[in-house]
Amino acid sequence: TYKKLNRIDEALDCFLKLHAILPNSAQVL
């Protein structure tokens, strides 16, 4: 949603948090 709203820093923050939880998720990477 943040990516769609062009709030790129907030989108990046969400996906970095997700990467910490799901380190091998292809979608997150």
PDB file of all heavy atoms in Angstrom:
ATOM      1  N   THR A   1       0.841  -1.205   0.000  1.00  0.00           N
ATOM      2  CA  THR A   1       0.000   0.000   0.000  1.00  0.00           C
ATOM      3  C   THR A   1       0.872   1.250   0.000  1.00  0.00           C
ATOM      4  O   THR A   1       0.625   2.188  -0.769  1.00  0.00           O
ATOM      5  CB  THR A   1      -0.948  -0.002   1.218  1.00  0.00           C
ATOM      6  OG1 THR A   1      -1.707  -1.209   1.209  1.00  0.00           O
ATOM      7  CG2 THR A   1      -1.901   1.176   1.188  1.00  0.00           C
ATOM      8  N   TYR A   2       1.897   1.269   0.855  1.00  0.00           N
ATOM      9  CA  TYR A   2       2.811   2.416   0.880  1.00  0.00           C
ATOM     10  C   TYR A   2       3.518   2.571  -0.470  1.00  0.00           C
ATOM     11  O   TYR A   2       3.734   3.687  -0.942  1.00  0.00           O
ATOM     12  CB  TYR A   2       3.847   2.257   1.989  1.00  0.00           C
ATOM     13  CG  TYR A   2       3.333   2.563   3.377  1.00  0.00           C
ATOM     14  CD1 TYR A   2       3.785   1.846   4.482  1.00  0.00           C
ATOM     15  CD2 TYR A   2       2.401   3.572   3.593  1.00  0.00           C
ATOM     16  CE1 TYR A   2       3.328   2.139   5.769  1.00  0.00           C
ATOM     17  CE2 TYR A   2       1.932   3.863   4.875  1.00  0.00           C
ATOM     18  CZ  TYR A   2       2.401   3.138   5.954  1.00  0.00           C
ATOM     19  OH  TYR A   2       1.941   3.419   7.212  1.00  0.00           O
ATOM     20  N   LYS A   3       3.872   1.449  -1.077  1.00  0.00           N
ATOM     21  CA  LYS A   3       4.520   1.489  -2.393  1.00  0.00           C
ATOM     22  C   LYS A   3       3.580   2.121  -3.415  1.00  0.00           C
ATOM     23  O   LYS A   3       3.993   2.967  -4.207  1.00  0.00           O
ATOM     24  CB  LYS A   3       4.895   0.058  -2.804  1.00  0.00           C
ATOM     25  CG  LYS A   3       5.807  -0.036  -4.001  1.00  0.00           C
ATOM     26  CD  LYS A   3       6.197  -1.499  -4.229  1.00  0.00           C
ATOM     27  CE  LYS A   3       6.870  -1.686  -5.562  1.00  0.00           C
ATOM     28  NZ  LYS A   3       7.058  -3.104  -5.884  1.00  0.00           N
ATOM     29  N   LYS A   4       2.313   1.727  -3.375  1.00  0.00           N
ATOM     30  CA  LYS A   4       1.318   2.286  -4.303  1.00  0.00           C
ATOM     31  C   LYS A   4       1.120   3.778  -4.057  1.00  0.00           C
ATOM     32  O   LYS A   4       0.904   4.553  -4.983  1.00  0.00           O
ATOM     33  CB  LYS A   4      -0.002   1.532  -4.123  1.00  0.00           C
ATOM     34  CG  LYS A   4      -1.154   2.059  -4.928  1.00  0.00           C
ATOM     35  CD  LYS A   4      -1.637   1.055  -5.921  1.00  0.00           C
ATOM     36  CE  LYS A   4      -2.862   1.573  -6.617  1.00  0.00           C
ATOM     37  NZ  LYS A   4      -2.915   1.190  -7.993  1.00  0.00           N
ATOM     38  N   LEU A   5       1.194   4.191  -2.779  1.00  0.00           N
ATOM     39  CA  LEU A   5       1.033   5.602  -2.415  1.00  0.00           C
ATOM     40  C   LEU A   5       2.324   6.405  -2.635  1.00  0.00           C
ATOM     41  O   LEU A   5       2.377   7.592  -2.322  1.00  0.00           O
ATOM     42  CB  LEU A   5       0.605   5.724  -0.950  1.00  0.00           C
ATOM     43  CG  LEU A   5      -0.811   5.249  -0.621  1.00  0.00           C
ATOM     44  CD1 LEU A   5      -0.998   5.116   0.885  1.00  0.00           C
ATOM     45  CD2 LEU A   5      -1.854   6.198  -1.204  1.00  0.00           C
ATOM     46  N   ASN A   6       3.365   5.731  -3.111  1.00  0.00           N
ATOM     47  CA  ASN A   6       4.669   6.347  -3.352  1.00  0.00           C
ATOM     48  C   ASN A   6       5.331   6.846  -2.058  1.00  0.00           C
ATOM     49  O   ASN A   6       6.108   7.796  -2.077  1.00  0.00           O
ATOM     50  CB  ASN A   6       4.568   7.473  -4.390  1.00  0.00           C
ATOM     51  CG  ASN A   6       5.874   7.652  -5.138  1.00  0.00           C
ATOM     52  OD1 ASN A   6       6.627   6.703  -5.305  1.00  0.00           O
ATOM     53  ND2 ASN A   6       6.163   8.874  -5.554  1.00  0.00           N
ATOM     54  N   ARG A   7       5.015   6.169  -0.953  1.00  0.00           N
ATOM     55  CA  ARG A   7       5.679   6.453   0.323  1.00  0.00           C
ATOM     56  C   ARG A   7       6.777   5.390   0.480  1.00  0.00           C
ATOM     57  O   ARG A   7       6.658   4.439   1.251  1.00  0.00           O
ATOM     58  CB  ARG A   7       4.656   6.429   1.453  1.00  0.00           C
ATOM     59  CG  ARG A   7       3.719   7.639   1.367  1.00  0.00           C
ATOM     60  CD  ARG A   7       2.426   7.493   2.123  1.00  0.00           C
ATOM     61  NE  ARG A   7       2.570   7.321   3.538  1.00  0.00           N
ATOM     62  CZ  ARG A   7       1.530   7.229   4.388  1.00  0.00           C
ATOM     63  NH1 ARG A   7       0.293   7.335   3.936  1.00  0.00           N
ATOM     64  NH2 ARG A   7       1.728   7.053   5.667  1.00  0.00           N
ATOM     65  N   ILE A   8       7.833   5.567  -0.302  1.00  0.00           N
ATOM     66  CA  ILE A   8       8.823   4.516  -0.525  1.00  0.00           C
ATOM     67  C   ILE A   8       9.605   4.172   0.748  1.00  0.00           C
ATOM     68  O   ILE A   8       9.860   2.998   1.020  1.00  0.00           O
ATOM     69  CB  ILE A   8       9.781   4.911  -1.678  1.00  0.00           C
ATOM     70  CG1 ILE A   8       8.986   5.131  -2.978  1.00  0.00           C
ATOM     71  CG2 ILE A   8      10.851   3.861  -1.889  1.00  0.00           C
ATOM     72  CD1 ILE A   8       8.142   3.953  -3.432  1.00  0.00           C
ATOM     73  N   ASP A   9       9.967   5.172   1.549  1.00  0.00           N
ATOM     74  CA  ASP A   9      10.721   4.888   2.781  1.00  0.00           C
ATOM     75  C   ASP A   9       9.914   4.024   3.737  1.00  0.00           C
ATOM     76  O   ASP A   9      10.451   3.098   4.355  1.00  0.00           O
ATOM     77  CB  ASP A   9      11.147   6.193   3.468  1.00  0.00           C
ATOM     78  CG  ASP A   9      12.235   6.922   2.696  1.00  0.00           C
ATOM     79  OD1 ASP A   9      12.945   6.242   1.912  1.00  0.00           O
ATOM     80  OD2 ASP A   9      12.374   8.150   2.850  1.00  0.00           O
ATOM     81  N   GLU A  10       8.611   4.318   3.848  1.00  0.00           N
ATOM     82  CA  GLU A  10       7.756   3.528   4.738  1.00  0.00           C
ATOM     83  C   GLU A  10       7.559   2.114   4.193  1.00  0.00           C
ATOM     84  O   GLU A  10       7.527   1.146   4.957  1.00  0.00           O
ATOM     85  CB  GLU A  10       6.399   4.227   4.920  1.00  0.00           C
ATOM     86  CG  GLU A  10       6.511   5.486   5.760  1.00  0.00           C
ATOM     87  CD  GLU A  10       5.318   6.411   5.603  1.00  0.00           C
ATOM     88  OE1 GLU A  10       5.172   7.012   4.532  1.00  0.00           O
ATOM     89  OE2 GLU A  10       4.525   6.491   6.559  1.00  0.00           O
ATOM     90  N   ALA A  11       7.452   1.998   2.865  1.00  0.00           N
ATOM     91  CA  ALA A  11       7.332   0.674   2.237  1.00  0.00           C
ATOM     92  C   ALA A  11       8.595  -0.140   2.517  1.00  0.00           C
ATOM     93  O   ALA A  11       8.519  -1.317   2.898  1.00  0.00           O
ATOM     94  CB  ALA A  11       7.104   0.823   0.739  1.00  0.00           C
ATOM     95  N   LEU A  12       9.754   0.497   2.356  1.00  0.00           N
ATOM     96  CA  LEU A  12      11.031  -0.179   2.607  1.00  0.00           C
ATOM     97  C   LEU A  12      11.106  -0.665   4.049  1.00  0.00           C
ATOM     98  O   LEU A  12      11.512  -1.805   4.322  1.00  0.00           O
ATOM     99  CB  LEU A  12      12.193   0.774   2.305  1.00  0.00           C
ATOM    100  CG  LEU A  12      13.596   0.228   2.547  1.00  0.00           C
ATOM    101  CD1 LEU A  12      13.886  -0.977   1.665  1.00  0.00           C
ATOM    102  CD2 LEU A  12      14.636   1.320   2.313  1.00  0.00           C
ATOM    103  N   ASP A  13      10.668   0.166   4.982  1.00  0.00           N
ATOM    104  CA  ASP A  13      10.669  -0.194   6.397  1.00  0.00           C
ATOM    105  C   ASP A  13       9.822  -1.452   6.636  1.00  0.00           C
ATOM    106  O   ASP A  13      10.248  -2.368   7.345  1.00  0.00           O
ATOM    107  CB  ASP A  13      10.142   0.985   7.222  1.00  0.00           C
ATOM    108  CG  ASP A  13      10.284   0.754   8.710  1.00  0.00           C
ATOM    109  OD1 ASP A  13      11.379   0.331   9.136  1.00  0.00           O
ATOM    110  OD2 ASP A  13       9.300   0.974   9.442  1.00  0.00           O
ATOM    111  N   CYS A  14       8.642  -1.509   6.021  1.00  0.00           N
ATOM    112  CA  CYS A  14       7.753  -2.683   6.169  1.00  0.00           C
ATOM    113  C   CYS A  14       8.432  -3.944   5.658  1.00  0.00           C
ATOM    114  O   CYS A  14       8.434  -4.989   6.325  1.00  0.00           O
ATOM    115  CB  CYS A  14       6.448  -2.480   5.400  1.00  0.00           C
ATOM    116  SG  CYS A  14       5.341  -1.278   6.132  1.00  0.00           S
ATOM    117  N   PHE A  15       9.036  -3.862   4.470  1.00  0.00           N
ATOM    118  CA  PHE A  15       9.627  -5.061   3.872  1.00  0.00           C
ATOM    119  C   PHE A  15      10.918  -5.483   4.576  1.00  0.00           C
ATOM    120  O   PHE A  15      11.217  -6.685   4.641  1.00  0.00           O
ATOM    121  CB  PHE A  15       9.829  -4.873   2.369  1.00  0.00           C
ATOM    122  CG  PHE A  15       8.530  -4.853   1.613  1.00  0.00           C
ATOM    123  CD1 PHE A  15       8.139  -3.734   0.902  1.00  0.00           C
ATOM    124  CD2 PHE A  15       7.672  -5.946   1.638  1.00  0.00           C
ATOM    125  CE1 PHE A  15       6.926  -3.703   0.221  1.00  0.00           C
ATOM    126  CE2 PHE A  15       6.462  -5.939   0.958  1.00  0.00           C
ATOM    127  CZ  PHE A  15       6.089  -4.816   0.251  1.00  0.00           C
ATOM    128  N   LEU A  16      11.654  -4.527   5.147  1.00  0.00           N
ATOM    129  CA  LEU A  16      12.837  -4.907   5.934  1.00  0.00           C
ATOM    130  C   LEU A  16      12.417  -5.617   7.219  1.00  0.00           C
ATOM    131  O   LEU A  16      13.052  -6.595   7.635  1.00  0.00           O
ATOM    132  CB  LEU A  16      13.695  -3.677   6.245  1.00  0.00           C
ATOM    133  CG  LEU A  16      14.492  -3.118   5.065  1.00  0.00           C
ATOM    134  CD1 LEU A  16      15.132  -1.776   5.426  1.00  0.00           C
ATOM    135  CD2 LEU A  16      15.555  -4.110   4.586  1.00  0.00           C
ATOM    136  N   LYS A  17      11.332  -5.148   7.846  1.00  0.00           N
ATOM    137  CA  LYS A  17      10.802  -5.843   9.033  1.00  0.00           C
ATOM    138  C   LYS A  17      10.355  -7.253   8.670  1.00  0.00           C
ATOM    139  O   LYS A  17      10.604  -8.222   9.399  1.00  0.00           O
ATOM    140  CB  LYS A  17       9.623  -5.060   9.622  1.00  0.00           C
ATOM    141  CG  LYS A  17      10.014  -3.840  10.415  1.00  0.00           C
ATOM    142  CD  LYS A  17       8.790  -3.103  10.923  1.00  0.00           C
ATOM    143  CE  LYS A  17       9.181  -1.810  11.595  1.00  0.00           C
ATOM    144  NZ  LYS A  17       8.029  -0.919  11.815  1.00  0.00           N
ATOM    145  N   LEU A  18       9.662  -7.369   7.524  1.00  0.00           N
ATOM    146  CA  LEU A  18       9.195  -8.675   7.065  1.00  0.00           C
ATOM    147  C   LEU A  18      10.374  -9.605   6.788  1.00  0.00           C
ATOM    148  O   LEU A  18      10.312 -10.798   7.096  1.00  0.00           O
ATOM    149  CB  LEU A  18       8.386  -8.518   5.776  1.00  0.00           C
ATOM    150  CG  LEU A  18       6.881  -8.588   5.904  1.00  0.00           C
ATOM    151  CD1 LEU A  18       6.240  -8.314   4.556  1.00  0.00           C
ATOM    152  CD2 LEU A  18       6.404  -9.915   6.450  1.00  0.00           C
ATOM    153  N   HIS A  19      11.439  -9.048   6.199  1.00  0.00           N
ATOM    154  CA  HIS A  19      12.620  -9.857   5.890  1.00  0.00           C
ATOM    155  C   HIS A  19      13.224 -10.432   7.172  1.00  0.00           C
ATOM    156  O   HIS A  19      13.718 -11.561   7.178  1.00  0.00           O
ATOM    157  CB  HIS A  19      13.643  -9.020   5.126  1.00  0.00           C
ATOM    158  CG  HIS A  19      14.890  -9.781   4.792  1.00  0.00           C
ATOM    159  ND1 HIS A  19      14.901 -10.905   3.995  1.00  0.00           N
ATOM    160  CD2 HIS A  19      16.175  -9.586   5.175  1.00  0.00           C
ATOM    161  CE1 HIS A  19      16.130 -11.366   3.899  1.00  0.00           C
ATOM    162  NE2 HIS A  19      16.928 -10.581   4.602  1.00  0.00           N
ATOM    163  N   ALA A  20      13.156  -9.673   8.257  1.00  0.00           N
ATOM    164  CA  ALA A  20      13.666 -10.158   9.540  1.00  0.00           C
ATOM    165  C   ALA A  20      12.831 -11.342  10.051  1.00  0.00           C
ATOM    166  O   ALA A  20      13.353 -12.264  10.678  1.00  0.00           O
ATOM    167  CB  ALA A  20      13.670  -9.029  10.567  1.00  0.00           C
ATOM    168  N   ILE A  21      11.515 -11.319   9.734  1.00  0.00           N
ATOM    169  CA  ILE A  21      10.615 -12.394  10.170  1.00  0.00           C
ATOM    170  C   ILE A  21      10.680 -13.583   9.201  1.00  0.00           C
ATOM    171  O   ILE A  21      10.703 -14.738   9.617  1.00  0.00           O
ATOM    172  CB  ILE A  21       9.153 -11.880  10.267  1.00  0.00           C
ATOM    173  CG1 ILE A  21       9.056 -10.721  11.263  1.00  0.00           C
ATOM    174  CG2 ILE A  21       8.206 -12.999  10.690  1.00  0.00           C
ATOM    175  CD1 ILE A  21       7.741  -9.945  11.183  1.00  0.00           C
ATOM    176  N   LEU A  22      10.698 -13.281   7.888  1.00  0.00           N
ATOM    177  CA  LEU A  22      10.684 -14.314   6.841  1.00  0.00           C
ATOM    178  C   LEU A  22      11.906 -14.139   5.926  1.00  0.00           C
ATOM    179  O   LEU A  22      11.786 -13.621   4.814  1.00  0.00           O
ATOM    180  CB  LEU A  22       9.401 -14.189   6.006  1.00  0.00           C
ATOM    181  CG  LEU A  22       8.058 -14.216   6.738  1.00  0.00           C
ATOM    182  CD1 LEU A  22       6.940 -13.781   5.819  1.00  0.00           C
ATOM    183  CD2 LEU A  22       7.785 -15.619   7.270  1.00  0.00           C
ATOM    184  N   PRO A  23      13.089 -14.556   6.387  1.00  0.00           N
ATOM    185  CA  PRO A  23      14.309 -14.255   5.635  1.00  0.00           C
ATOM    186  C   PRO A  23      14.390 -14.905   4.243  1.00  0.00           C
ATOM    187  O   PRO A  23      15.109 -14.424   3.383  1.00  0.00           O
ATOM    188  CB  PRO A  23      15.433 -14.765   6.542  1.00  0.00           C
ATOM    189  CG  PRO A  23      14.789 -15.695   7.501  1.00  0.00           C
ATOM    190  CD  PRO A  23      13.367 -15.272   7.635  1.00  0.00           C
ATOM    191  N   ASN A  24      13.655 -15.996   4.018  1.00  0.00           N
ATOM    192  CA  ASN A  24      13.729 -16.678   2.725  1.00  0.00           C
ATOM    193  C   ASN A  24      12.469 -16.519   1.885  1.00  0.00           C
ATOM    194  O   ASN A  24      12.214 -17.326   0.989  1.00  0.00           O
ATOM    195  CB  ASN A  24      14.034 -18.168   2.926  1.00  0.00           C
ATOM    196  CG  ASN A  24      15.429 -18.380   3.479  1.00  0.00           C
ATOM    197  OD1 ASN A  24      16.360 -17.679   3.092  1.00  0.00           O
ATOM    198  ND2 ASN A  24      15.574 -19.306   4.397  1.00  0.00           N
ATOM    199  N   SER A  25      11.680 -15.502   2.167  1.00  0.00           N
ATOM    200  CA  SER A  25      10.463 -15.281   1.390  1.00  0.00           C
ATOM    201  C   SER A  25      10.816 -14.641   0.050  1.00  0.00           C
ATOM    202  O   SER A  25      11.334 -13.517   0.005  1.00  0.00           O
ATOM    203  CB  SER A  25       9.491 -14.378   2.155  1.00  0.00           C
ATOM    204  OG  SER A  25       8.477 -13.921   1.288  1.00  0.00           O
ATOM    205  N   ALA A  26      10.516 -15.355  -1.040  1.00  0.00           N
ATOM    206  CA  ALA A  26      10.815 -14.844  -2.384  1.00  0.00           C
ATOM    207  C   ALA A  26      10.077 -13.534  -2.644  1.00  0.00           C
ATOM    208  O   ALA A  26      10.635 -12.597  -3.222  1.00  0.00           O
ATOM    209  CB  ALA A  26      10.439 -15.894  -3.430  1.00  0.00           C
ATOM    210  N   GLN A  27       8.804 -13.454  -2.199  1.00  0.00           N
ATOM    211  CA  GLN A  27       8.015 -12.236  -2.438  1.00  0.00           C
ATOM    212  C   GLN A  27       8.635 -11.027  -1.756  1.00  0.00           C
ATOM    213  O   GLN A  27       8.699  -9.942  -2.336  1.00  0.00           O
ATOM    214  CB  GLN A  27       6.564 -12.420  -1.937  1.00  0.00           C
ATOM    215  CG  GLN A  27       5.758 -13.403  -2.732  1.00  0.00           C
ATOM    216  CD  GLN A  27       5.807 -14.803  -2.140  1.00  0.00           C
ATOM    217  OE1 GLN A  27       6.788 -15.177  -1.493  1.00  0.00           O
ATOM    218  NE2 GLN A  27       4.783 -15.580  -2.376  1.00  0.00           N
ATOM    219  N   VAL A  28       9.101 -11.218  -0.524  1.00  0.00           N
ATOM    220  CA  VAL A  28       9.697 -10.106   0.235  1.00  0.00           C
ATOM    221  C   VAL A  28      11.009  -9.667  -0.408  1.00  0.00           C
ATOM    222  O   VAL A  28      11.254  -8.469  -0.591  1.00  0.00           O
ATOM    223  CB  VAL A  28       9.902 -10.496   1.717  1.00  0.00           C
ATOM    224  CG1 VAL A  28      10.659  -9.406   2.465  1.00  0.00           C
ATOM    225  CG2 VAL A  28       8.560 -10.769   2.386  1.00  0.00           C
ATOM    226  N   LEU A  29      11.845 -10.635  -0.793  1.00  0.00           N
ATOM    227  CA  LEU A  29      13.116 -10.304  -1.447  1.00  0.00           C
ATOM    228  C   LEU A  29      12.865  -9.548  -2.746  1.00  0.00           C
ATOM    229  O   LEU A  29      13.559  -8.570  -3.055  1.00  0.00           O
ATOM    230  CB  LEU A  29      13.918 -11.585  -1.720  1.00  0.00           C
ATOM    231  CG  LEU A  29      14.451 -12.309  -0.480  1.00  0.00           C
ATOM    232  CD1 LEU A  29      14.962 -13.695  -0.845  1.00  0.00           C
ATOM    233  CD2 LEU A  29      15.541 -11.500   0.214  1.00  0.00           C
TER     234      LEU A  29
END
